[in-house]
Amino acid sequence: DGQTLYAGDYHNHVIKSVEMCPTKCNAECSPGYYETSITSCSPDLYPTCDAISEGVTCPAGAFDVAGTADTVSFFAGSESEVAGYVDAPGTSAKFNIPIGMARTPDGLSLLVADASSSTIRYIDIASRAVTTLAGSGTAGYVTDASGTNAKFYLPFEIAVSPDGLNAYVADYYNNRVRSCYTD
């Protein structure tokens, strides 16, 4: 949606989402001001948002969401922040150092390099369902394997091809860049 940032919190073994443009900002205020209450506007210290009928459109560029209530939340991975390897919806899933992430070009899913589980995980953004795309949960190296028959040894970073059909993985301890199909 262009308004949500997804971040791997690798020390806590979770994926968090950050709402970059809360729906309250500048809904009724003049340019250069932001809403502080129903009847009051204050000078705008942060970039503005413009209200539209279906929600809020955020401006281009970086801005600070610190201090904005309810903008950071658990998206996937155990809220108890316990490491593991479990495919499940949302906070029922478990990760073990989710360090690299890439969003697919269609914006519908995230691919996660789950380093210490030695897997590539797939997250459907709408349902928050987490499944394993490649890797078995055991570190190693296998040439030309796919799905859960593939093995990685600390997959660290991930990128998705522009057509969304391939993922490229920096397989750290195997000293390789590996590719896998995303379907």
N, C-alpha and C. Protein backbone atom coordinates (compact mmCIF):
# COMPACT_ATOMS: atom_id res chain seq x y z
N ASP A 1 0.81 -1.21 0.00
CA ASP A 1 0.00 0.00 0.00
C ASP A 1 0.85 1.27 0.00
N GLY A 2 2.16 1.12 0.11
CA GLY A 2 3.05 2.26 0.10
C GLY A 2 3.07 3.05 1.39
N GLN A 3 2.27 2.66 2.37
CA GLN A 3 2.22 3.38 3.64
C GLN A 3 2.75 2.55 4.80
N THR A 4 3.16 1.32 4.54
CA THR A 4 3.62 0.44 5.60
C THR A 4 5.05 -0.01 5.33
N LEU A 5 5.89 0.11 6.34
CA LEU A 5 7.26 -0.37 6.30
C LEU A 5 7.32 -1.67 7.09
N TYR A 6 7.95 -2.69 6.55
CA TYR A 6 8.13 -3.96 7.25
C TYR A 6 9.59 -4.08 7.63
N ALA A 7 9.86 -4.43 8.88
CA ALA A 7 11.23 -4.50 9.37
C ALA A 7 11.47 -5.80 10.13
N GLY A 8 12.60 -6.43 9.84
CA GLY A 8 12.99 -7.62 10.58
C GLY A 8 13.67 -7.22 11.87
N ASP A 9 13.06 -7.55 13.00
CA ASP A 9 13.64 -7.29 14.32
C ASP A 9 14.36 -8.57 14.70
N TYR A 10 15.60 -8.71 14.20
CA TYR A 10 16.27 -10.00 14.27
C TYR A 10 16.65 -10.43 15.67
N HIS A 11 16.92 -9.51 16.59
CA HIS A 11 17.25 -9.93 17.96
C HIS A 11 16.02 -10.46 18.69
N ASN A 12 14.84 -10.01 18.28
CA ASN A 12 13.61 -10.45 18.92
C ASN A 12 12.85 -11.48 18.09
N HIS A 13 13.40 -11.85 16.93
CA HIS A 13 12.87 -12.93 16.09
C HIS A 13 11.46 -12.66 15.57
N VAL A 14 11.18 -11.41 15.20
CA VAL A 14 9.85 -11.05 14.70
C VAL A 14 9.97 -10.11 13.51
N ILE A 15 8.88 -10.00 12.76
CA ILE A 15 8.74 -8.99 11.72
C ILE A 15 7.77 -7.96 12.28
N LYS A 16 8.15 -6.69 12.22
CA LYS A 16 7.27 -5.64 12.70
C LYS A 16 6.82 -4.79 11.52
N SER A 17 5.66 -4.20 11.67
CA SER A 17 5.17 -3.27 10.65
C SER A 17 5.10 -1.88 11.27
N VAL A 18 5.43 -0.90 10.46
CA VAL A 18 5.41 0.49 10.89
C VAL A 18 4.47 1.24 9.96
N GLU A 19 3.40 1.78 10.50
CA GLU A 19 2.47 2.60 9.72
C GLU A 19 3.12 3.96 9.54
N MET A 20 3.56 4.24 8.33
CA MET A 20 4.31 5.46 8.07
C MET A 20 3.44 6.70 7.95
N CYS A 21 2.15 6.52 7.81
CA CYS A 21 1.27 7.67 7.68
C CYS A 21 -0.03 7.39 8.42
N PRO A 22 -0.09 7.70 9.72
CA PRO A 22 -1.31 7.44 10.47
C PRO A 22 -2.49 8.18 9.86
N THR A 23 -3.67 7.59 9.93
CA THR A 23 -4.85 8.15 9.27
C THR A 23 -5.31 9.47 9.86
N LYS A 24 -4.79 9.88 11.00
CA LYS A 24 -5.22 11.13 11.63
C LYS A 24 -4.53 12.36 11.07
N CYS A 25 -3.36 12.23 10.46
CA CYS A 25 -2.58 13.42 10.14
C CYS A 25 -3.22 14.30 9.07
N ASN A 26 -3.35 15.56 9.39
CA ASN A 26 -3.82 16.61 8.49
C ASN A 26 -5.14 16.34 7.79
N ALA A 27 -5.99 15.55 8.40
CA ALA A 27 -7.26 15.23 7.76
C ALA A 27 -8.13 16.46 7.55
N GLU A 28 -8.05 17.43 8.45
CA GLU A 28 -8.91 18.60 8.34
C GLU A 28 -8.14 19.91 8.36
N CYS A 29 -6.84 19.89 8.39
CA CYS A 29 -6.04 21.11 8.57
C CYS A 29 -5.52 21.66 7.25
N SER A 30 -5.19 22.92 7.28
CA SER A 30 -4.60 23.59 6.12
C SER A 30 -3.19 23.08 5.91
N PRO A 31 -2.66 23.26 4.69
CA PRO A 31 -1.27 22.86 4.44
C PRO A 31 -0.33 23.55 5.44
N GLY A 32 0.64 22.80 5.94
CA GLY A 32 1.59 23.35 6.90
C GLY A 32 1.16 23.18 8.35
N TYR A 33 0.00 22.53 8.56
CA TYR A 33 -0.50 22.32 9.92
C TYR A 33 -0.93 20.87 10.07
N TYR A 34 -0.98 20.39 11.33
CA TYR A 34 -1.47 19.05 11.58
C TYR A 34 -2.50 19.08 12.69
N GLU A 35 -3.38 18.10 12.68
CA GLU A 35 -4.48 18.05 13.63
C GLU A 35 -3.98 17.63 15.00
N THR A 36 -4.26 18.44 16.03
CA THR A 36 -3.91 18.09 17.40
C THR A 36 -5.16 17.73 18.20
N SER A 37 -6.31 18.13 17.74
CA SER A 37 -7.60 17.76 18.33
C SER A 37 -8.65 18.02 17.27
N ILE A 38 -9.88 17.78 17.60
CA ILE A 38 -10.95 17.99 16.62
C ILE A 38 -11.04 19.45 16.19
N THR A 39 -10.71 20.37 17.09
CA THR A 39 -10.89 21.80 16.79
C THR A 39 -9.60 22.59 16.68
N SER A 40 -8.44 21.96 16.84
CA SER A 40 -7.20 22.72 16.88
C SER A 40 -6.16 22.17 15.91
N CYS A 41 -5.42 23.07 15.27
CA CYS A 41 -4.32 22.68 14.40
C CYS A 41 -3.05 23.37 14.87
N SER A 42 -1.91 22.69 14.74
CA SER A 42 -0.62 23.24 15.15
C SER A 42 0.31 23.28 13.94
N PRO A 43 1.37 24.13 14.00
CA PRO A 43 2.33 24.14 12.90
C PRO A 43 2.89 22.75 12.62
N ASP A 44 3.03 22.42 11.36
CA ASP A 44 3.45 21.09 10.95
C ASP A 44 4.96 20.95 11.03
N LEU A 45 5.43 20.11 11.96
CA LEU A 45 6.85 19.87 12.12
C LEU A 45 7.31 18.69 11.28
N TYR A 46 6.37 17.93 10.75
CA TYR A 46 6.66 16.74 9.97
C TYR A 46 5.97 16.87 8.61
N PRO A 47 6.37 16.08 7.62
CA PRO A 47 5.68 16.15 6.33
C PRO A 47 4.18 15.89 6.48
N THR A 48 3.42 16.43 5.58
CA THR A 48 1.97 16.34 5.70
C THR A 48 1.39 15.13 5.00
N CYS A 49 0.17 14.82 5.34
CA CYS A 49 -0.62 13.79 4.68
C CYS A 49 -1.90 14.45 4.19
N ASP A 50 -2.43 13.97 3.11
CA ASP A 50 -3.66 14.53 2.57
C ASP A 50 -4.77 13.51 2.69
N ALA A 51 -5.89 13.92 3.26
CA ALA A 51 -7.02 13.01 3.40
C ALA A 51 -7.65 12.75 2.04
N ILE A 52 -7.97 11.50 1.76
CA ILE A 52 -8.72 11.14 0.56
C ILE A 52 -9.83 10.21 0.99
N SER A 53 -10.79 9.94 0.15
CA SER A 53 -11.97 9.19 0.55
C SER A 53 -11.67 7.78 1.04
N GLU A 54 -10.61 7.16 0.55
CA GLU A 54 -10.31 5.78 0.94
C GLU A 54 -9.21 5.70 1.99
N GLY A 55 -8.76 6.81 2.52
CA GLY A 55 -7.71 6.76 3.53
C GLY A 55 -6.81 7.97 3.41
N VAL A 56 -5.53 7.76 3.58
CA VAL A 56 -4.58 8.86 3.60
C VAL A 56 -3.43 8.54 2.65
N THR A 57 -3.02 9.52 1.88
CA THR A 57 -1.88 9.36 0.98
C THR A 57 -0.67 10.04 1.60
N CYS A 58 0.44 9.35 1.67
CA CYS A 58 1.65 9.91 2.28
C CYS A 58 2.53 10.57 1.24
N PRO A 59 3.31 11.55 1.66
CA PRO A 59 4.23 12.22 0.75
C PRO A 59 5.45 11.37 0.48
N ALA A 60 6.18 11.72 -0.56
CA ALA A 60 7.45 11.05 -0.83
C ALA A 60 8.49 11.57 0.17
N GLY A 61 9.49 10.76 0.43
CA GLY A 61 10.56 11.19 1.32
C GLY A 61 10.44 10.60 2.70
N ALA A 62 11.50 10.77 3.48
CA ALA A 62 11.55 10.19 4.82
C ALA A 62 10.95 11.14 5.84
N PHE A 63 10.36 10.59 6.88
CA PHE A 63 9.91 11.39 8.00
C PHE A 63 9.85 10.56 9.26
N ASP A 64 9.77 11.23 10.38
CA ASP A 64 9.88 10.60 11.69
C ASP A 64 8.50 10.19 12.20
N VAL A 65 8.35 8.91 12.57
CA VAL A 65 7.09 8.46 13.15
C VAL A 65 7.24 8.26 14.65
N ALA A 66 8.40 8.60 15.21
CA ALA A 66 8.62 8.45 16.65
C ALA A 66 7.62 9.29 17.41
N GLY A 67 7.09 8.73 18.46
CA GLY A 67 6.14 9.46 19.28
C GLY A 67 4.72 9.36 18.78
N THR A 68 4.49 8.75 17.64
CA THR A 68 3.14 8.58 17.14
C THR A 68 2.59 7.27 17.67
N ALA A 69 1.50 7.34 18.39
CA ALA A 69 0.93 6.16 19.04
C ALA A 69 0.48 5.11 18.03
N ASP A 70 0.65 3.85 18.39
CA ASP A 70 0.13 2.72 17.63
C ASP A 70 0.65 2.63 16.20
N THR A 71 1.87 3.07 15.92
CA THR A 71 2.37 2.97 14.56
C THR A 71 3.25 1.75 14.35
N VAL A 72 3.84 1.20 15.42
CA VAL A 72 4.70 0.02 15.31
C VAL A 72 3.99 -1.16 15.95
N SER A 73 3.88 -2.27 15.20
CA SER A 73 3.18 -3.44 15.75
C SER A 73 3.82 -4.72 15.27
N PHE A 74 3.52 -5.81 15.96
CA PHE A 74 3.98 -7.13 15.53
C PHE A 74 3.21 -7.51 14.28
N PHE A 75 3.91 -7.97 13.26
CA PHE A 75 3.27 -8.39 12.02
C PHE A 75 3.31 -9.91 11.88
N ALA A 76 4.47 -10.48 12.10
CA ALA A 76 4.62 -11.94 12.03
C ALA A 76 5.74 -12.35 12.98
N GLY A 77 5.58 -13.49 13.58
CA GLY A 77 6.55 -13.96 14.56
C GLY A 77 5.96 -13.83 15.95
N SER A 78 6.45 -14.65 16.84
CA SER A 78 5.92 -14.74 18.20
C SER A 78 6.07 -13.44 18.97
N GLU A 79 4.97 -12.93 19.54
CA GLU A 79 5.03 -11.73 20.36
C GLU A 79 5.84 -11.97 21.64
N SER A 80 6.04 -13.23 22.01
CA SER A 80 6.88 -13.55 23.17
C SER A 80 8.35 -13.45 22.79
N GLU A 81 8.63 -13.20 21.51
CA GLU A 81 9.97 -12.97 20.99
C GLU A 81 10.90 -14.16 21.26
N VAL A 82 10.35 -15.36 21.06
CA VAL A 82 11.10 -16.60 21.23
C VAL A 82 11.49 -17.12 19.86
N ALA A 83 12.77 -17.46 19.68
CA ALA A 83 13.25 -17.96 18.40
C ALA A 83 12.67 -19.33 18.10
N GLY A 84 12.50 -19.61 16.81
CA GLY A 84 12.01 -20.92 16.39
C GLY A 84 11.83 -20.97 14.89
N TYR A 85 11.24 -22.06 14.44
CA TYR A 85 10.96 -22.26 13.02
C TYR A 85 9.59 -22.90 12.92
N VAL A 86 8.55 -22.06 12.78
CA VAL A 86 7.17 -22.53 12.69
C VAL A 86 6.46 -21.74 11.60
N ASP A 87 5.87 -22.45 10.63
CA ASP A 87 5.01 -21.82 9.63
C ASP A 87 3.60 -21.74 10.22
N ALA A 88 3.04 -20.54 10.24
CA ALA A 88 1.71 -20.33 10.81
C ALA A 88 1.29 -18.90 10.48
N PRO A 89 0.04 -18.55 10.74
CA PRO A 89 -0.39 -17.17 10.50
C PRO A 89 0.16 -16.19 11.55
N GLY A 90 0.53 -15.01 11.09
CA GLY A 90 0.87 -13.88 11.96
C GLY A 90 1.79 -14.19 13.12
N THR A 91 1.32 -13.85 14.32
CA THR A 91 2.14 -13.99 15.51
C THR A 91 2.22 -15.43 16.02
N SER A 92 1.58 -16.36 15.35
CA SER A 92 1.73 -17.79 15.70
C SER A 92 2.97 -18.37 15.02
N ALA A 93 3.48 -17.69 14.01
CA ALA A 93 4.70 -18.14 13.32
C ALA A 93 5.91 -17.87 14.20
N LYS A 94 7.01 -18.56 13.90
CA LYS A 94 8.26 -18.30 14.61
C LYS A 94 9.39 -18.15 13.60
N PHE A 95 10.30 -17.22 13.91
CA PHE A 95 11.49 -16.96 13.11
C PHE A 95 12.71 -17.13 14.00
N ASN A 96 13.87 -17.29 13.37
CA ASN A 96 15.12 -17.37 14.10
C ASN A 96 16.13 -16.47 13.39
N ILE A 97 16.14 -15.22 13.78
CA ILE A 97 16.96 -14.14 13.21
C ILE A 97 16.55 -13.81 11.77
N PRO A 98 15.34 -13.23 11.61
CA PRO A 98 14.92 -12.77 10.28
C PRO A 98 15.66 -11.49 9.94
N ILE A 99 16.63 -11.59 9.04
CA ILE A 99 17.53 -10.46 8.85
C ILE A 99 17.37 -9.76 7.50
N GLY A 100 17.13 -10.50 6.43
CA GLY A 100 16.97 -9.89 5.11
C GLY A 100 15.52 -10.01 4.66
N MET A 101 15.02 -8.95 4.02
CA MET A 101 13.64 -8.97 3.57
C MET A 101 13.49 -8.27 2.23
N ALA A 102 12.57 -8.74 1.42
CA ALA A 102 12.25 -8.08 0.15
C ALA A 102 10.76 -8.22 -0.11
N ARG A 103 10.17 -7.17 -0.62
CA ARG A 103 8.75 -7.19 -0.99
C ARG A 103 8.65 -7.55 -2.46
N THR A 104 7.68 -8.36 -2.83
CA THR A 104 7.51 -8.73 -4.23
C THR A 104 7.00 -7.51 -5.01
N PRO A 105 7.30 -7.46 -6.32
CA PRO A 105 6.90 -6.29 -7.11
C PRO A 105 5.40 -5.99 -7.10
N ASP A 106 4.57 -7.03 -6.93
CA ASP A 106 3.12 -6.78 -6.90
C ASP A 106 2.67 -6.25 -5.54
N GLY A 107 3.59 -6.22 -4.55
CA GLY A 107 3.28 -5.68 -3.23
C GLY A 107 2.45 -6.60 -2.35
N LEU A 108 2.22 -7.83 -2.79
CA LEU A 108 1.33 -8.73 -2.05
C LEU A 108 2.03 -9.62 -1.03
N SER A 109 3.35 -9.74 -1.13
CA SER A 109 4.05 -10.63 -0.21
C SER A 109 5.45 -10.15 0.11
N LEU A 110 5.97 -10.72 1.20
CA LEU A 110 7.33 -10.46 1.64
C LEU A 110 8.10 -11.77 1.60
N LEU A 111 9.37 -11.71 1.22
CA LEU A 111 10.26 -12.85 1.34
C LEU A 111 11.27 -12.50 2.41
N VAL A 112 11.53 -13.45 3.31
CA VAL A 112 12.38 -13.20 4.46
C VAL A 112 13.52 -14.21 4.48
N ALA A 113 14.75 -13.71 4.59
CA ALA A 113 15.90 -14.58 4.81
C ALA A 113 15.97 -14.81 6.31
N ASP A 114 15.53 -15.97 6.75
CA ASP A 114 15.49 -16.33 8.17
C ASP A 114 16.81 -17.02 8.49
N ALA A 115 17.80 -16.23 8.90
CA ALA A 115 19.20 -16.64 8.93
C ALA A 115 19.47 -17.91 9.73
N SER A 116 19.11 -17.94 11.00
CA SER A 116 19.50 -19.08 11.82
C SER A 116 18.62 -20.30 11.64
N SER A 117 17.47 -20.16 10.98
CA SER A 117 16.72 -21.36 10.61
C SER A 117 17.14 -21.86 9.23
N SER A 118 18.02 -21.08 8.57
CA SER A 118 18.54 -21.43 7.24
C SER A 118 17.42 -21.67 6.23
N THR A 119 16.44 -20.77 6.24
CA THR A 119 15.29 -20.89 5.34
C THR A 119 14.96 -19.54 4.69
N ILE A 120 14.21 -19.62 3.60
CA ILE A 120 13.60 -18.45 2.98
C ILE A 120 12.11 -18.59 3.24
N ARG A 121 11.56 -17.60 3.91
CA ARG A 121 10.16 -17.65 4.31
C ARG A 121 9.34 -16.70 3.43
N TYR A 122 8.10 -17.08 3.22
CA TYR A 122 7.16 -16.32 2.38
C TYR A 122 6.03 -15.84 3.28
N ILE A 123 5.73 -14.55 3.23
CA ILE A 123 4.61 -14.02 4.02
C ILE A 123 3.60 -13.39 3.07
N ASP A 124 2.37 -13.88 3.09
CA ASP A 124 1.27 -13.25 2.37
C ASP A 124 0.84 -12.06 3.22
N ILE A 125 0.99 -10.84 2.70
CA ILE A 125 0.73 -9.64 3.50
C ILE A 125 -0.72 -9.56 3.96
N ALA A 126 -1.67 -9.88 3.10
CA ALA A 126 -3.08 -9.75 3.47
C ALA A 126 -3.47 -10.67 4.62
N SER A 127 -3.05 -11.93 4.55
CA SER A 127 -3.45 -12.90 5.59
C SER A 127 -2.41 -13.03 6.70
N ARG A 128 -1.19 -12.53 6.46
CA ARG A 128 -0.04 -12.65 7.35
C ARG A 128 0.40 -14.11 7.53
N ALA A 129 -0.02 -14.98 6.61
CA ALA A 129 0.37 -16.39 6.67
C ALA A 129 1.84 -16.53 6.30
N VAL A 130 2.59 -17.26 7.14
CA VAL A 130 4.01 -17.50 6.92
C VAL A 130 4.20 -18.95 6.49
N THR A 131 4.89 -19.15 5.37
CA THR A 131 5.22 -20.49 4.88
C THR A 131 6.69 -20.50 4.48
N THR A 132 7.24 -21.70 4.35
CA THR A 132 8.63 -21.84 3.93
C THR A 132 8.68 -21.98 2.42
N LEU A 133 9.42 -21.10 1.77
CA LEU A 133 9.60 -21.16 0.32
C LEU A 133 10.75 -22.10 -0.02
N ALA A 134 11.84 -22.02 0.73
CA ALA A 134 13.01 -22.86 0.45
C ALA A 134 13.80 -23.06 1.74
N GLY A 135 14.43 -24.22 1.84
CA GLY A 135 15.21 -24.57 3.02
C GLY A 135 14.43 -25.51 3.92
N SER A 136 15.18 -26.22 4.75
CA SER A 136 14.56 -27.24 5.59
C SER A 136 14.63 -26.95 7.08
N GLY A 137 15.32 -25.88 7.45
CA GLY A 137 15.53 -25.61 8.87
C GLY A 137 16.85 -26.15 9.37
N THR A 138 17.59 -26.83 8.49
CA THR A 138 18.90 -27.37 8.83
C THR A 138 19.94 -26.75 7.89
N ALA A 139 21.00 -26.21 8.47
CA ALA A 139 22.04 -25.57 7.67
C ALA A 139 22.78 -26.60 6.82
N GLY A 140 23.20 -26.18 5.64
CA GLY A 140 23.97 -27.06 4.77
C GLY A 140 24.04 -26.50 3.37
N TYR A 141 24.41 -27.35 2.42
CA TYR A 141 24.48 -26.96 1.02
C TYR A 141 24.10 -28.14 0.15
N VAL A 142 23.17 -27.92 -0.75
CA VAL A 142 22.77 -28.92 -1.74
C VAL A 142 22.72 -28.20 -3.08
N THR A 143 23.34 -28.75 -4.10
CA THR A 143 23.32 -28.15 -5.42
C THR A 143 21.99 -28.45 -6.10
N ASP A 144 21.38 -27.43 -6.68
CA ASP A 144 20.18 -27.56 -7.52
C ASP A 144 19.00 -28.25 -6.86
N ALA A 145 18.76 -27.97 -5.61
CA ALA A 145 17.56 -28.49 -4.94
C ALA A 145 16.53 -27.37 -4.87
N SER A 146 15.28 -27.73 -4.67
CA SER A 146 14.24 -26.71 -4.58
C SER A 146 13.35 -26.98 -3.38
N GLY A 147 12.58 -25.96 -3.03
CA GLY A 147 11.65 -26.08 -1.91
C GLY A 147 12.36 -26.45 -0.62
N THR A 148 11.74 -27.34 0.15
CA THR A 148 12.33 -27.72 1.43
C THR A 148 13.50 -28.70 1.27
N ASN A 149 13.80 -29.12 0.04
CA ASN A 149 15.01 -29.93 -0.20
C ASN A 149 16.26 -29.06 -0.32
N ALA A 150 16.06 -27.76 -0.55
CA ALA A 150 17.20 -26.84 -0.64
C ALA A 150 17.80 -26.64 0.75
N LYS A 151 19.06 -26.28 0.77
CA LYS A 151 19.72 -25.98 2.05
C LYS A 151 20.51 -24.69 1.92
N PHE A 152 20.47 -23.90 2.97
CA PHE A 152 21.23 -22.66 3.08
C PHE A 152 22.03 -22.73 4.37
N TYR A 153 23.04 -21.89 4.46
CA TYR A 153 23.82 -21.79 5.68
C TYR A 153 23.96 -20.30 5.99
N LEU A 154 23.05 -19.80 6.78
CA LEU A 154 22.93 -18.40 7.15
C LEU A 154 22.57 -17.50 5.96
N PRO A 155 21.38 -17.69 5.40
CA PRO A 155 20.93 -16.75 4.36
C PRO A 155 20.78 -15.37 4.99
N PHE A 156 21.44 -14.40 4.39
CA PHE A 156 21.59 -13.11 5.05
C PHE A 156 20.77 -12.00 4.40
N GLU A 157 20.78 -11.94 3.11
CA GLU A 157 20.04 -10.90 2.38
C GLU A 157 19.26 -11.55 1.26
N ILE A 158 18.23 -10.84 0.78
CA ILE A 158 17.39 -11.37 -0.28
C ILE A 158 16.91 -10.23 -1.17
N ALA A 159 16.78 -10.50 -2.45
CA ALA A 159 16.24 -9.53 -3.42
C ALA A 159 15.31 -10.30 -4.35
N VAL A 160 14.33 -9.61 -4.89
CA VAL A 160 13.38 -10.22 -5.81
C VAL A 160 13.57 -9.60 -7.18
N SER A 161 13.55 -10.44 -8.22
CA SER A 161 13.69 -9.94 -9.59
C SER A 161 12.53 -9.01 -9.93
N PRO A 162 12.72 -8.09 -10.87
CA PRO A 162 11.66 -7.15 -11.24
C PRO A 162 10.35 -7.82 -11.68
N ASP A 163 10.45 -9.02 -12.29
CA ASP A 163 9.22 -9.71 -12.70
C ASP A 163 8.62 -10.53 -11.56
N GLY A 164 9.31 -10.60 -10.42
CA GLY A 164 8.79 -11.30 -9.25
C GLY A 164 8.92 -12.81 -9.29
N LEU A 165 9.53 -13.36 -10.33
CA LEU A 165 9.59 -14.81 -10.48
C LEU A 165 10.75 -15.47 -9.73
N ASN A 166 11.81 -14.70 -9.45
CA ASN A 166 12.99 -15.27 -8.80
C ASN A 166 13.39 -14.45 -7.59
N ALA A 167 13.92 -15.15 -6.60
CA ALA A 167 14.54 -14.50 -5.45
C ALA A 167 16.01 -14.82 -5.48
N TYR A 168 16.83 -13.86 -5.12
CA TYR A 168 18.27 -14.04 -5.07
C TYR A 168 18.71 -13.89 -3.62
N VAL A 169 19.41 -14.90 -3.12
CA VAL A 169 19.72 -14.99 -1.70
C VAL A 169 21.23 -14.97 -1.50
N ALA A 170 21.70 -14.12 -0.59
CA ALA A 170 23.10 -14.13 -0.18
C ALA A 170 23.23 -15.22 0.89
N ASP A 171 23.80 -16.35 0.49
CA ASP A 171 23.97 -17.51 1.38
C ASP A 171 25.35 -17.39 2.01
N TYR A 172 25.42 -16.76 3.15
CA TYR A 172 26.65 -16.26 3.74
C TYR A 172 27.76 -17.31 3.92
N TYR A 173 27.51 -18.35 4.69
CA TYR A 173 28.58 -19.32 4.96
C TYR A 173 28.84 -20.28 3.81
N ASN A 174 27.94 -20.36 2.84
CA ASN A 174 28.21 -21.14 1.64
C ASN A 174 28.92 -20.30 0.58
N ASN A 175 29.12 -19.01 0.87
CA ASN A 175 29.82 -18.11 -0.05
C ASN A 175 29.21 -18.13 -1.45
N ARG A 176 27.91 -18.03 -1.51
CA ARG A 176 27.20 -18.10 -2.79
C ARG A 176 26.04 -17.11 -2.81
N VAL A 177 25.68 -16.72 -4.03
CA VAL A 177 24.39 -16.07 -4.25
C VAL A 177 23.55 -17.14 -4.90
N ARG A 178 22.45 -17.49 -4.25
CA ARG A 178 21.59 -18.57 -4.71
C ARG A 178 20.31 -17.98 -5.28
N SER A 179 19.68 -18.67 -6.19
CA SER A 179 18.39 -18.22 -6.72
C SER A 179 17.35 -19.29 -6.47
N CYS A 180 16.12 -18.83 -6.30
CA CYS A 180 15.00 -19.76 -6.16
C CYS A 180 13.76 -19.14 -6.77
N TYR A 181 12.87 -19.99 -7.26
CA TYR A 181 11.61 -19.54 -7.84
C TYR A 181 10.69 -19.12 -6.71
N THR A 182 9.91 -18.06 -6.95
CA THR A 182 9.02 -17.56 -5.90
C THR A 182 7.65 -18.20 -5.90
N ASP A 183 7.29 -19.01 -6.95
CA ASP A 183 5.97 -19.62 -6.90
C ASP A 183 5.99 -20.97 -6.29
